[in-house]
Amino acid sequence: MIYGIDSFTISDIMAILENPKIAKLNKASKDKILKSQKNVQQIVESDRTVYGINTGFGPLCDVKISEEEAAQLQHNLIISHAVGVGKPIHKDFSRVMMIAKIHALSKGFSGVSLEVIERLVLMLEKDIIPVVPEQGSVGASGDLAPLAHLVLPLLGLGKVWENDQPAETSKILKKHGLKPLKLGPKEGLGLINGTQFILAHAILGLHKFEYLLDLADLTAALSLEAYRGSASPFKKELHEIRPFAGSKKVAARMLKFLKNSDNLKSHEFCDRVQDPYSMRCVPQVHGASRNAFEHLKNLAETELNSVTDNPIVLSAEESISGGNFHGQLLALPLDYATLAAAEIGNISDRRSYLLLEGKYGLPRLLVESSGLNSGFMIPQYTSAALVTENKTLCFPASADSIPTSLGQEDHVSMGSISGRKFNQVLANLENILAVELMFGAQGLEFRRPSKCSKFVETAYELIRTKVPKLEDDRLIGNDILAIAELIKDRKFEVN
């Protein structure tokens, strides 16, 4: 994979995370970078006024800066904008920010030098990963504060990760035999103007969401088997006459997950007319969330292969001061995807609740000795609490805008908050699905000796490697955590 030349996908980013050395700067990308750097230098030597190259920033865009002060201007920009607060984002988010920033700068429209870009590549390969606070970006004029923290180590400032602990950059650079860099004209602006914080949250969120969508289908199949529901609502003929892509995909997956189930066949001709919506409408609800996933994925990959700083340097004679840094294009779909993820948890909790009601051959609270034992009563409280927490996180951050920069930046996206909320909801969803999987496995205990489908039996057996059948009350909080770890480690066979 070649930075600045190839079109990266989310799968490519995940591969680079695993092995940063698979992405390179080749001669073509280096030539583009050098040409862009030369264009900026020619602008500096001319008498033309170009924002961010020989002017101040934001509301100070009308203040002319001399050629002699250009380097100090860029240094001042980085240190003055590194004002993020809150706990640090996970190292992987910082890594994805670095990958995306390198890729964007390597397209040759930002005027950032080859030396600076090669240093970012080297830092990534040597696992010198900046510590970036999670709060402080309004998501327009780019993710200024997070990106300033991301590039402080280029100047020998800020902190980087060492053994999962923040360490002073100066110490780590010395350890690797590296010296701080001095930025040239426009380099500071090119480094911190962009949407890479928002984008990193979209990319890693999408990677997790895709697995959780697949797992939610399997989880629903497990619950349906435990409930002895009907597979008829998943028939192809029903979904061909309302052919949304997401619902068609989910219906087909449900049929695959339930294929050859002796358990479901055993009550094919019972007198139950239809199942509650949370069982019957899995394709429509899960499918709608899949549609939202695909929408965000398409836009995130467009952003990944875009140039999002300002100004854009087309040549020594032409630069454009525009708004490619504005995060609205990701903020809106991130808010949509957050709602979609929350709804997967919402319907999961409803299925969990159905399994506790004591209907159709299942004991109340999924234990035969309820009364003396509370059984699975309280884990559903946990699920309900997480579902409601997710609902409170669904207020769209992109609906808000607070003017900044003395009114120069008078409409902002708040997309960084959209991205953070998306990932918070996904983390809660992992635990909601863990509760449903625990309930589903327990429900199957009361359907024996009937055998379920291959997929469901495999999931059941995996759960039983960590969580035994509940006979009497025990510390089942540990059971939820054990299943959640299986989810985090992607142990369930979902395809």
Protein backbone atom coordinates (compact mmCIF):
# COMPACT_ATOMS: atom_id res chain seq x y z
CA MET A 1 0.00 0.00 0.00
CA ILE A 2 1.34 3.39 -1.00
CA TYR A 3 0.58 6.53 1.02
CA GLY A 4 -0.98 9.29 -1.03
CA ILE A 5 -1.32 7.15 -4.16
CA ASP A 6 -3.55 4.17 -3.40
CA SER A 7 -7.14 4.47 -2.25
CA PHE A 8 -7.25 3.07 1.26
CA THR A 9 -10.20 1.15 2.70
CA ILE A 10 -11.09 0.52 6.32
CA SER A 11 -9.70 -3.00 5.90
CA ASP A 12 -6.41 -1.45 4.74
CA ILE A 13 -6.26 0.71 7.86
CA MET A 14 -6.80 -2.30 10.10
CA ALA A 15 -4.01 -4.13 8.23
CA ILE A 16 -1.63 -1.18 8.68
CA LEU A 17 -2.51 -1.13 12.38
CA GLU A 18 -1.33 -4.73 12.59
CA ASN A 19 1.83 -4.06 10.58
CA PRO A 20 2.69 -0.38 9.90
CA LYS A 21 5.53 -1.34 7.56
CA ILE A 22 3.17 -2.57 4.84
CA ALA A 23 2.35 1.05 3.90
CA LYS A 24 5.14 2.95 2.18
CA LEU A 25 6.07 6.22 0.54
CA ASN A 26 7.20 5.36 -2.98
CA LYS A 27 8.90 7.62 -5.52
CA ALA A 28 5.60 8.85 -6.98
CA SER A 29 4.25 9.92 -3.59
CA LYS A 30 7.59 11.49 -2.61
CA ASP A 31 7.63 13.47 -5.87
CA LYS A 32 4.16 14.85 -5.12
CA ILE A 33 5.21 15.83 -1.61
CA LEU A 34 8.40 17.55 -2.83
CA LYS A 35 6.49 19.41 -5.55
CA SER A 36 3.95 20.68 -3.02
CA GLN A 37 6.72 21.77 -0.64
CA LYS A 38 8.40 23.66 -3.50
CA ASN A 39 5.12 25.40 -4.36
CA VAL A 40 4.82 26.71 -0.81
CA GLN A 41 8.39 27.94 -0.81
CA GLN A 42 7.75 29.87 -4.04
CA ILE A 43 4.67 31.46 -2.46
CA VAL A 44 6.77 32.54 0.54
CA GLU A 45 9.35 34.13 -1.76
CA SER A 46 6.67 35.98 -3.72
CA ASP A 47 4.79 39.07 -2.60
CA ARG A 48 1.40 37.34 -2.60
CA THR A 49 -0.53 37.03 0.64
CA VAL A 50 -1.74 33.47 1.27
CA TYR A 51 -3.61 32.44 4.40
CA GLY A 52 -1.58 30.36 6.83
CA ILE A 53 1.63 30.66 4.85
CA ASN A 54 2.44 34.31 5.46
CA THR A 55 -0.53 35.39 7.59
CA GLY A 56 -1.84 34.72 11.07
CA PHE A 57 -4.59 32.20 11.70
CA GLY A 58 -8.35 32.36 12.18
CA PRO A 59 -9.38 35.94 13.02
CA LEU A 60 -5.71 36.96 12.63
CA CYS A 61 -5.77 36.12 8.92
CA ASP A 62 -5.29 39.81 8.08
CA VAL A 63 -1.97 39.98 9.95
CA LYS A 64 0.97 39.65 7.55
CA ILE A 65 3.93 37.53 8.69
CA SER A 66 7.44 38.07 7.33
CA GLU A 67 9.48 35.31 5.69
CA GLU A 68 11.88 35.39 8.64
CA GLU A 69 9.03 34.71 11.08
CA ALA A 70 7.45 31.87 9.08
CA ALA A 71 9.08 29.04 11.05
CA GLN A 72 8.22 30.60 14.42
CA LEU A 73 4.64 31.08 13.23
CA GLN A 74 4.24 27.35 12.59
CA HIS A 75 5.86 26.39 15.92
CA ASN A 76 3.60 28.82 17.78
CA LEU A 77 0.57 27.39 16.02
CA ILE A 78 1.21 23.87 17.31
CA ILE A 79 1.98 24.77 20.92
CA SER A 80 -0.91 27.25 21.19
CA HIS A 81 -3.45 24.77 19.83
CA ALA A 82 -2.45 21.81 22.03
CA VAL A 83 -5.14 22.54 24.62
CA GLY A 84 -7.03 19.24 24.70
CA VAL A 85 -8.40 17.98 28.01
CA GLY A 86 -9.86 14.76 29.37
CA LYS A 87 -8.46 11.26 29.41
CA PRO A 88 -6.27 10.13 26.49
CA ILE A 89 -7.81 8.28 23.59
CA HIS A 90 -6.71 4.66 23.11
CA LYS A 91 -3.39 4.21 21.31
CA ASP A 92 -5.16 2.65 18.32
CA PHE A 93 -7.13 5.84 17.76
CA SER A 94 -3.88 7.83 17.78
CA ARG A 95 -2.35 5.32 15.35
CA VAL A 96 -5.27 5.64 12.94
CA MET A 97 -5.03 9.43 13.18
CA MET A 98 -1.36 9.17 12.18
CA ILE A 99 -2.07 6.81 9.28
CA ALA A 100 -4.87 9.02 7.97
CA LYS A 101 -2.80 12.19 8.36
CA ILE A 102 0.20 10.69 6.52
CA HIS A 103 -2.10 9.52 3.72
CA ALA A 104 -3.72 12.95 3.33
CA LEU A 105 -0.45 14.90 3.44
CA SER A 106 1.12 12.55 0.91
CA LYS A 107 -1.38 13.53 -1.76
CA GLY A 108 0.69 16.66 -2.34
CA PHE A 109 -1.73 19.51 -1.70
CA SER A 110 -0.64 20.53 1.79
CA GLY A 111 2.92 21.78 1.42
CA VAL A 112 4.25 19.67 4.29
CA SER A 113 7.86 18.56 3.76
CA LEU A 114 9.01 15.06 3.00
CA GLU A 115 11.15 15.15 6.17
CA VAL A 116 8.12 15.74 8.39
CA ILE A 117 6.00 13.09 6.70
CA GLU A 118 8.83 10.56 6.84
CA ARG A 119 9.20 11.27 10.56
CA LEU A 120 5.50 10.47 11.07
CA VAL A 121 5.96 7.22 9.15
CA LEU A 122 9.00 6.36 11.27
CA MET A 123 7.16 7.13 14.52
CA LEU A 124 4.35 4.83 13.46
CA GLU A 125 6.75 2.02 12.56
CA LYS A 126 8.72 2.39 15.81
CA ASP A 127 5.51 2.59 17.87
CA ILE A 128 6.23 6.12 19.06
CA ILE A 129 2.55 6.96 19.47
CA PRO A 130 1.46 10.41 20.73
CA VAL A 131 -0.81 10.80 23.74
CA VAL A 132 -3.93 12.65 22.56
CA PRO A 133 -6.63 13.95 24.96
CA GLU A 134 -10.18 13.07 23.96
CA GLN A 135 -11.83 16.49 24.44
CA GLY A 136 -11.34 19.90 22.89
CA SER A 137 -12.28 19.64 19.22
CA VAL A 138 -15.37 21.34 17.78
CA GLY A 139 -14.87 19.50 14.48
CA ALA A 140 -14.42 22.46 12.14
CA SER A 141 -11.24 24.09 11.07
CA GLY A 142 -10.54 20.44 11.59
CA ASP A 143 -9.72 18.67 14.83
CA LEU A 144 -7.27 21.36 15.84
CA ALA A 145 -6.53 20.50 19.47
CA PRO A 146 -6.27 16.69 19.06
CA LEU A 147 -4.10 17.04 15.98
CA ALA A 148 -1.86 19.57 17.74
CA HIS A 149 -1.25 16.98 20.47
CA LEU A 150 -0.67 14.34 17.79
CA VAL A 151 2.17 16.34 16.21
CA LEU A 152 3.75 17.89 19.32
CA PRO A 153 6.30 15.01 19.38
CA LEU A 154 7.65 16.23 16.04
CA LEU A 155 8.86 19.28 17.98
CA GLY A 156 10.14 17.17 20.85
CA LEU A 157 7.20 18.24 23.00
CA GLY A 158 4.17 16.57 24.54
CA LYS A 159 3.93 12.93 25.53
CA VAL A 160 4.00 9.56 23.81
CA TRP A 161 3.08 6.09 24.99
CA GLU A 162 5.69 3.82 26.58
CA ASN A 163 4.49 0.48 27.96
CA ASP A 164 0.93 1.81 28.02
CA GLN A 165 1.97 4.77 30.16
CA PRO A 166 2.46 8.41 29.05
CA ALA A 167 6.14 9.38 28.82
CA GLU A 168 7.89 12.64 27.96
CA THR A 169 8.59 12.83 24.23
CA SER A 170 12.12 14.15 24.74
CA LYS A 171 13.06 10.99 26.65
CA ILE A 172 11.64 8.66 23.98
CA LEU A 173 13.20 10.56 21.05
CA LYS A 174 16.59 10.36 22.77
CA LYS A 175 16.09 6.62 23.27
CA HIS A 176 15.56 6.20 19.51
CA GLY A 177 18.35 8.59 18.51
CA LEU A 178 15.95 11.16 17.05
CA LYS A 179 16.05 14.96 17.27
CA PRO A 180 13.10 17.38 17.20
CA LEU A 181 12.22 18.88 13.84
CA LYS A 182 11.90 22.53 12.87
CA LEU A 183 8.78 23.26 10.87
CA GLY A 184 8.80 25.28 7.67
CA PRO A 185 6.11 27.50 6.12
CA LYS A 186 2.56 26.13 6.27
CA GLU A 187 3.69 22.87 7.87
CA GLY A 188 2.07 23.48 11.23
CA LEU A 189 -1.22 24.40 9.60
CA GLY A 190 -1.09 21.39 7.27
CA LEU A 191 -0.48 19.12 10.25
CA ILE A 192 -3.32 20.29 12.50
CA ASN A 193 -5.96 21.27 9.96
CA GLY A 194 -8.00 18.17 9.14
CA THR A 195 -10.61 15.70 10.35
CA GLN A 196 -8.39 12.81 11.40
CA PHE A 197 -9.70 12.65 15.00
CA ILE A 198 -13.29 12.33 13.77
CA LEU A 199 -12.19 9.93 11.05
CA ALA A 200 -10.28 7.66 13.44
CA HIS A 201 -13.38 7.32 15.61
CA ALA A 202 -15.46 6.53 12.54
CA ILE A 203 -13.01 3.91 11.24
CA LEU A 204 -12.47 2.03 14.50
CA GLY A 205 -16.14 2.35 15.35
CA LEU A 206 -17.13 0.89 11.99
CA HIS A 207 -14.70 -1.99 12.43
CA LYS A 208 -16.32 -2.87 15.77
CA PHE A 209 -19.87 -2.17 14.60
CA GLU A 210 -19.59 -4.54 11.66
CA TYR A 211 -18.74 -7.44 13.97
CA LEU A 212 -21.46 -6.50 16.45
CA LEU A 213 -24.05 -6.36 13.67
CA ASP A 214 -23.06 -9.85 12.60
CA LEU A 215 -23.06 -11.05 16.20
CA ALA A 216 -26.48 -9.48 16.86
CA ASP A 217 -27.97 -11.66 14.10
CA LEU A 218 -26.45 -14.77 15.68
CA THR A 219 -27.57 -13.64 19.13
CA ALA A 220 -31.13 -13.21 17.85
CA ALA A 221 -31.01 -16.72 16.39
CA LEU A 222 -29.89 -18.09 19.76
CA SER A 223 -32.77 -16.31 21.50
CA LEU A 224 -35.26 -17.48 18.89
CA GLU A 225 -34.15 -21.07 19.41
CA ALA A 226 -34.49 -20.66 23.18
CA TYR A 227 -37.93 -19.07 22.74
CA ARG A 228 -38.94 -21.65 20.14
CA GLY A 229 -40.08 -18.91 17.82
CA SER A 230 -40.80 -19.14 14.13
CA ALA A 231 -38.35 -18.82 11.25
CA SER A 232 -41.13 -17.94 8.79
CA PRO A 233 -40.60 -14.14 9.09
CA PHE A 234 -37.17 -14.60 7.53
CA LYS A 235 -38.33 -16.21 4.30
CA LYS A 236 -36.91 -14.69 1.15
CA GLU A 237 -40.33 -14.14 -0.44
CA LEU A 238 -41.33 -11.71 2.33
CA HIS A 239 -38.26 -9.53 1.89
CA GLU A 240 -38.26 -9.52 -1.90
CA ILE A 241 -41.43 -7.40 -1.79
CA ARG A 242 -39.82 -4.84 0.53
CA PRO A 243 -36.31 -5.09 -0.79
CA PHE A 244 -34.16 -2.99 1.52
CA ALA A 245 -30.58 -4.23 1.30
CA GLY A 246 -30.06 -4.43 5.04
CA SER A 247 -33.22 -6.38 5.83
CA LYS A 248 -32.66 -8.79 2.92
CA LYS A 249 -29.16 -9.51 4.19
CA VAL A 250 -30.30 -10.08 7.79
CA ALA A 251 -33.20 -12.32 6.74
CA ALA A 252 -30.85 -14.51 4.71
CA ARG A 253 -28.42 -14.69 7.62
CA MET A 254 -31.18 -15.67 10.04
CA LEU A 255 -32.26 -18.51 7.78
CA LYS A 256 -28.65 -19.69 7.59
CA PHE A 257 -28.26 -19.53 11.37
CA LEU A 258 -31.47 -21.52 11.93
CA LYS A 259 -31.04 -24.09 9.16
CA ASN A 260 -31.68 -27.74 10.08
CA SER A 261 -32.79 -26.94 13.61
CA ASP A 262 -34.61 -29.92 15.16
CA ASN A 263 -35.63 -27.64 18.00
CA LEU A 264 -37.62 -25.29 15.73
CA LYS A 265 -39.06 -28.13 13.65
CA SER A 266 -40.46 -29.74 16.79
CA HIS A 267 -43.11 -27.03 17.14
CA GLU A 268 -43.72 -26.07 13.50
CA PHE A 269 -47.43 -26.74 13.73
CA CYS A 270 -48.09 -25.42 17.24
CA ASP A 271 -50.98 -23.04 17.92
CA ARG A 272 -48.83 -19.90 18.34
CA VAL A 273 -49.79 -17.52 15.56
CA GLN A 274 -46.87 -15.11 15.62
CA ASP A 275 -43.95 -13.99 17.77
CA PRO A 276 -43.44 -10.57 19.40
CA TYR A 277 -41.75 -7.94 17.27
CA SER A 278 -38.30 -8.31 18.82
CA MET A 279 -38.22 -11.88 17.45
CA ARG A 280 -40.26 -11.41 14.30
CA CYS A 281 -38.86 -8.07 13.09
CA VAL A 282 -35.15 -8.83 13.38
CA PRO A 283 -34.55 -8.29 9.63
CA GLN A 284 -36.31 -4.94 9.62
CA VAL A 285 -34.63 -3.56 12.76
CA HIS A 286 -31.16 -5.08 12.35
CA GLY A 287 -31.44 -4.34 8.63
CA ALA A 288 -32.08 -0.64 9.21
CA SER A 289 -28.95 -0.48 11.35
CA ARG A 290 -26.99 -2.24 8.61
CA ASN A 291 -28.13 0.40 6.15
CA ALA A 292 -26.79 3.09 8.50
CA PHE A 293 -23.51 1.19 8.81
CA GLU A 294 -23.08 1.04 5.03
CA HIS A 295 -23.85 4.76 4.73
CA LEU A 296 -21.18 5.73 7.25
CA LYS A 297 -18.67 3.27 5.81
CA ASN A 298 -19.03 4.76 2.33
CA LEU A 299 -18.55 8.32 3.60
CA ALA A 300 -15.69 7.43 5.96
CA GLU A 301 -13.74 5.80 3.13
CA THR A 302 -14.34 8.88 0.99
CA GLU A 303 -12.96 11.03 3.80
CA LEU A 304 -10.02 8.68 4.30
CA ASN A 305 -8.91 9.34 0.73
CA SER A 306 -9.50 13.09 0.83
CA VAL A 307 -7.43 16.19 1.55
CA THR A 308 -8.99 18.00 4.51
CA ASP A 309 -6.65 20.87 5.43
CA ASN A 310 -6.66 24.52 4.39
CA PRO A 311 -5.51 26.24 2.28
CA ILE A 312 -5.10 23.73 -0.52
CA VAL A 313 -1.98 24.43 -2.58
CA LEU A 314 -2.62 23.54 -6.22
CA SER A 315 0.50 25.20 -7.61
CA ALA A 316 2.94 28.00 -6.91
CA GLU A 317 0.44 30.32 -8.54
CA GLU A 318 -2.83 28.99 -7.12
CA SER A 319 -3.98 28.12 -3.62
CA ILE A 320 -7.57 27.92 -2.41
CA SER A 321 -8.76 28.86 1.03
CA GLY A 322 -11.89 26.77 1.50
CA GLY A 323 -13.65 24.52 3.98
CA ASN A 324 -12.45 20.96 3.39
CA PHE A 325 -11.67 20.74 7.10
CA HIS A 326 -15.33 21.00 8.12
CA GLY A 327 -16.44 17.84 9.90
CA GLN A 328 -20.14 18.00 9.05
CA LEU A 329 -19.78 15.41 6.30
CA LEU A 330 -18.89 12.80 8.94
CA ALA A 331 -20.72 14.28 11.93
CA LEU A 332 -24.19 13.67 10.52
CA PRO A 333 -23.64 10.02 9.48
CA LEU A 334 -21.83 9.34 12.78
CA ASP A 335 -24.89 10.52 14.68
CA TYR A 336 -27.07 8.33 12.44
CA ALA A 337 -24.81 5.31 13.08
CA THR A 338 -24.89 5.99 16.82
CA LEU A 339 -28.67 5.74 16.77
CA ALA A 340 -28.42 2.58 14.65
CA ALA A 341 -26.05 0.95 17.15
CA ALA A 342 -28.26 1.93 20.08
CA GLU A 343 -31.27 0.31 18.40
CA ILE A 344 -29.44 -3.01 18.11
CA GLY A 345 -29.07 -2.91 21.90
CA ASN A 346 -32.67 -1.80 22.36
CA ILE A 347 -34.17 -4.77 20.53
CA SER A 348 -31.63 -7.14 22.11
CA ASP A 349 -32.84 -6.16 25.57
CA ARG A 350 -36.45 -6.83 24.51
CA ARG A 351 -35.51 -10.37 23.46
CA SER A 352 -33.71 -10.89 26.76
CA TYR A 353 -36.84 -9.79 28.61
CA LEU A 354 -39.02 -12.22 26.65
CA LEU A 355 -36.83 -15.14 27.73
CA LEU A 356 -37.46 -14.29 31.39
CA GLU A 357 -41.25 -14.24 31.26
CA GLY A 358 -41.72 -17.97 31.85
CA LYS A 359 -43.66 -18.72 28.66
CA TYR A 360 -43.64 -21.61 26.17
CA GLY A 361 -41.83 -24.09 28.35
CA LEU A 362 -39.22 -21.76 29.84
CA PRO A 363 -39.21 -21.25 33.63
CA ARG A 364 -39.61 -17.76 35.03
CA LEU A 365 -36.26 -15.95 35.24
CA LEU A 366 -34.73 -18.98 33.47
CA VAL A 367 -34.21 -21.02 36.67
CA GLU A 368 -36.39 -23.81 38.02
CA SER A 369 -36.00 -22.70 41.63
CA SER A 370 -37.00 -19.02 41.28
CA GLY A 371 -38.10 -17.51 44.55
CA LEU A 372 -35.26 -18.88 46.58
CA ASN A 373 -33.10 -17.81 43.65
CA SER A 374 -33.36 -14.55 41.69
CA GLY A 375 -31.98 -16.29 38.62
CA PHE A 376 -31.46 -13.93 35.71
CA MET A 377 -33.68 -11.15 37.02
CA ILE A 378 -30.97 -8.59 37.68
CA PRO A 379 -28.76 -8.97 34.57
CA GLN A 380 -31.73 -7.65 32.64
CA TYR A 381 -31.54 -4.53 34.84
CA THR A 382 -27.96 -4.12 33.69
CA SER A 383 -29.04 -4.48 30.09
CA ALA A 384 -31.88 -1.99 30.58
CA ALA A 385 -29.52 0.52 32.20
CA LEU A 386 -27.07 0.26 29.29
CA VAL A 387 -29.88 0.60 26.75
CA THR A 388 -31.10 3.78 28.42
CA GLU A 389 -27.58 5.15 28.69
CA ASN A 390 -27.23 4.58 24.95
CA LYS A 391 -30.49 6.41 24.33
CA THR A 392 -29.15 9.43 26.20
CA LEU A 393 -26.05 9.31 23.96
CA CYS A 394 -28.19 9.47 20.82
CA PHE A 395 -28.78 13.21 20.92
CA PRO A 396 -27.02 14.35 17.74
CA ALA A 397 -23.93 16.39 18.51
CA SER A 398 -24.11 17.71 14.94
CA ALA A 399 -27.36 19.49 15.85
CA ASP A 400 -25.31 21.97 17.86
CA SER A 401 -22.87 24.69 16.83
CA ILE A 402 -21.08 27.26 18.98
CA PRO A 403 -19.13 30.00 17.17
CA THR A 404 -15.38 30.06 17.80
CA SER A 405 -12.34 32.04 16.65
CA LEU A 406 -13.98 35.44 17.30
CA GLY A 407 -16.76 34.51 14.88
CA GLN A 408 -14.50 33.56 11.97
CA GLU A 409 -15.47 29.95 12.57
CA ASP A 410 -19.15 30.67 13.10
CA HIS A 411 -20.52 27.21 12.25
CA VAL A 412 -18.83 24.06 13.53
CA SER A 413 -19.79 20.39 13.30
CA MET A 414 -19.04 18.99 16.78
CA GLY A 415 -18.20 15.81 14.86
CA SER A 416 -15.51 14.82 17.37
CA ILE A 417 -18.26 14.41 19.97
CA SER A 418 -20.34 12.42 17.46
CA GLY A 419 -17.40 10.05 16.96
CA ARG A 420 -16.76 9.62 20.68
CA LYS A 421 -20.43 8.94 21.42
CA PHE A 422 -20.58 6.37 18.63
CA ASN A 423 -17.79 4.39 20.26
CA GLN A 424 -19.32 4.73 23.74
CA VAL A 425 -22.58 3.23 22.46
CA LEU A 426 -20.70 0.37 20.81
CA ALA A 427 -18.87 -0.43 24.05
CA ASN A 428 -22.23 -0.61 25.86
CA LEU A 429 -23.66 -2.73 23.07
CA GLU A 430 -21.00 -5.39 23.65
CA ASN A 431 -22.30 -5.88 27.20
CA ILE A 432 -25.97 -5.80 26.16
CA LEU A 433 -25.34 -8.60 23.66
CA ALA A 434 -23.36 -10.49 26.31
CA VAL A 435 -26.47 -10.51 28.54
CA GLU A 436 -28.67 -11.79 25.70
CA LEU A 437 -26.18 -14.51 24.83
CA MET A 438 -26.11 -15.61 28.45
CA PHE A 439 -29.92 -15.76 28.56
CA GLY A 440 -30.13 -17.58 25.23
CA ALA A 441 -27.66 -20.25 26.29
CA GLN A 442 -29.59 -20.77 29.54
CA GLY A 443 -32.87 -21.01 27.63
CA LEU A 444 -31.49 -23.78 25.44
CA GLU A 445 -30.97 -25.92 28.54
CA PHE A 446 -34.75 -26.31 28.71
CA ARG A 447 -35.08 -27.39 25.06
CA ARG A 448 -33.00 -30.52 25.38
CA PRO A 449 -32.74 -33.15 24.04
CA SER A 450 -33.73 -31.22 20.88
CA LYS A 451 -30.73 -30.02 18.92
CA CYS A 452 -30.50 -26.55 17.45
CA SER A 453 -28.81 -25.40 14.26
CA LYS A 454 -25.06 -25.84 13.80
CA PHE A 455 -24.34 -22.14 14.31
CA VAL A 456 -26.44 -21.90 17.45
CA GLU A 457 -24.95 -25.06 18.95
CA THR A 458 -21.44 -23.76 18.25
CA ALA A 459 -22.25 -20.46 19.99
CA TYR A 460 -23.81 -22.33 22.92
CA GLU A 461 -20.74 -24.53 23.33
CA LEU A 462 -18.43 -21.48 23.25
CA ILE A 463 -20.45 -19.78 25.98
CA ARG A 464 -20.35 -22.95 28.08
CA THR A 465 -16.54 -22.94 27.98
CA LYS A 466 -16.71 -19.81 30.15
CA VAL A 467 -20.14 -19.85 31.78
CA PRO A 468 -21.84 -22.98 33.17
CA LYS A 469 -25.60 -23.47 33.37
CA LEU A 470 -27.13 -21.55 36.25
CA GLU A 471 -28.76 -23.85 38.80
CA ASP A 472 -28.62 -21.63 41.90
CA ASP A 473 -27.64 -18.01 42.40
CA ARG A 474 -23.96 -17.19 42.01
CA LEU A 475 -21.82 -14.21 41.00
CA ILE A 476 -23.26 -13.97 37.49
CA GLY A 477 -21.76 -10.52 37.02
CA ASN A 478 -18.56 -12.40 36.27
CA ASP A 479 -20.42 -14.42 33.64
CA ILE A 480 -21.45 -11.26 31.78
CA LEU A 481 -17.85 -10.08 31.77
CA ALA A 482 -16.61 -13.47 30.55
CA ILE A 483 -19.00 -13.46 27.58
CA ALA A 484 -18.16 -9.80 26.87
CA GLU A 485 -14.49 -10.81 26.62
CA LEU A 486 -15.42 -13.48 24.06
CA ILE A 487 -17.16 -10.72 22.09
CA LYS A 488 -14.20 -8.34 22.34
CA ASP A 489 -11.89 -11.12 21.18
CA ARG A 490 -14.24 -11.97 18.27
CA LYS A 491 -14.53 -15.61 19.27
CA PHE A 492 -18.08 -16.14 18.00
CA GLU A 493 -18.48 -17.62 14.53
CA VAL A 494 -20.74 -15.02 12.93
CA ASN A 495 -20.51 -15.77 9.21
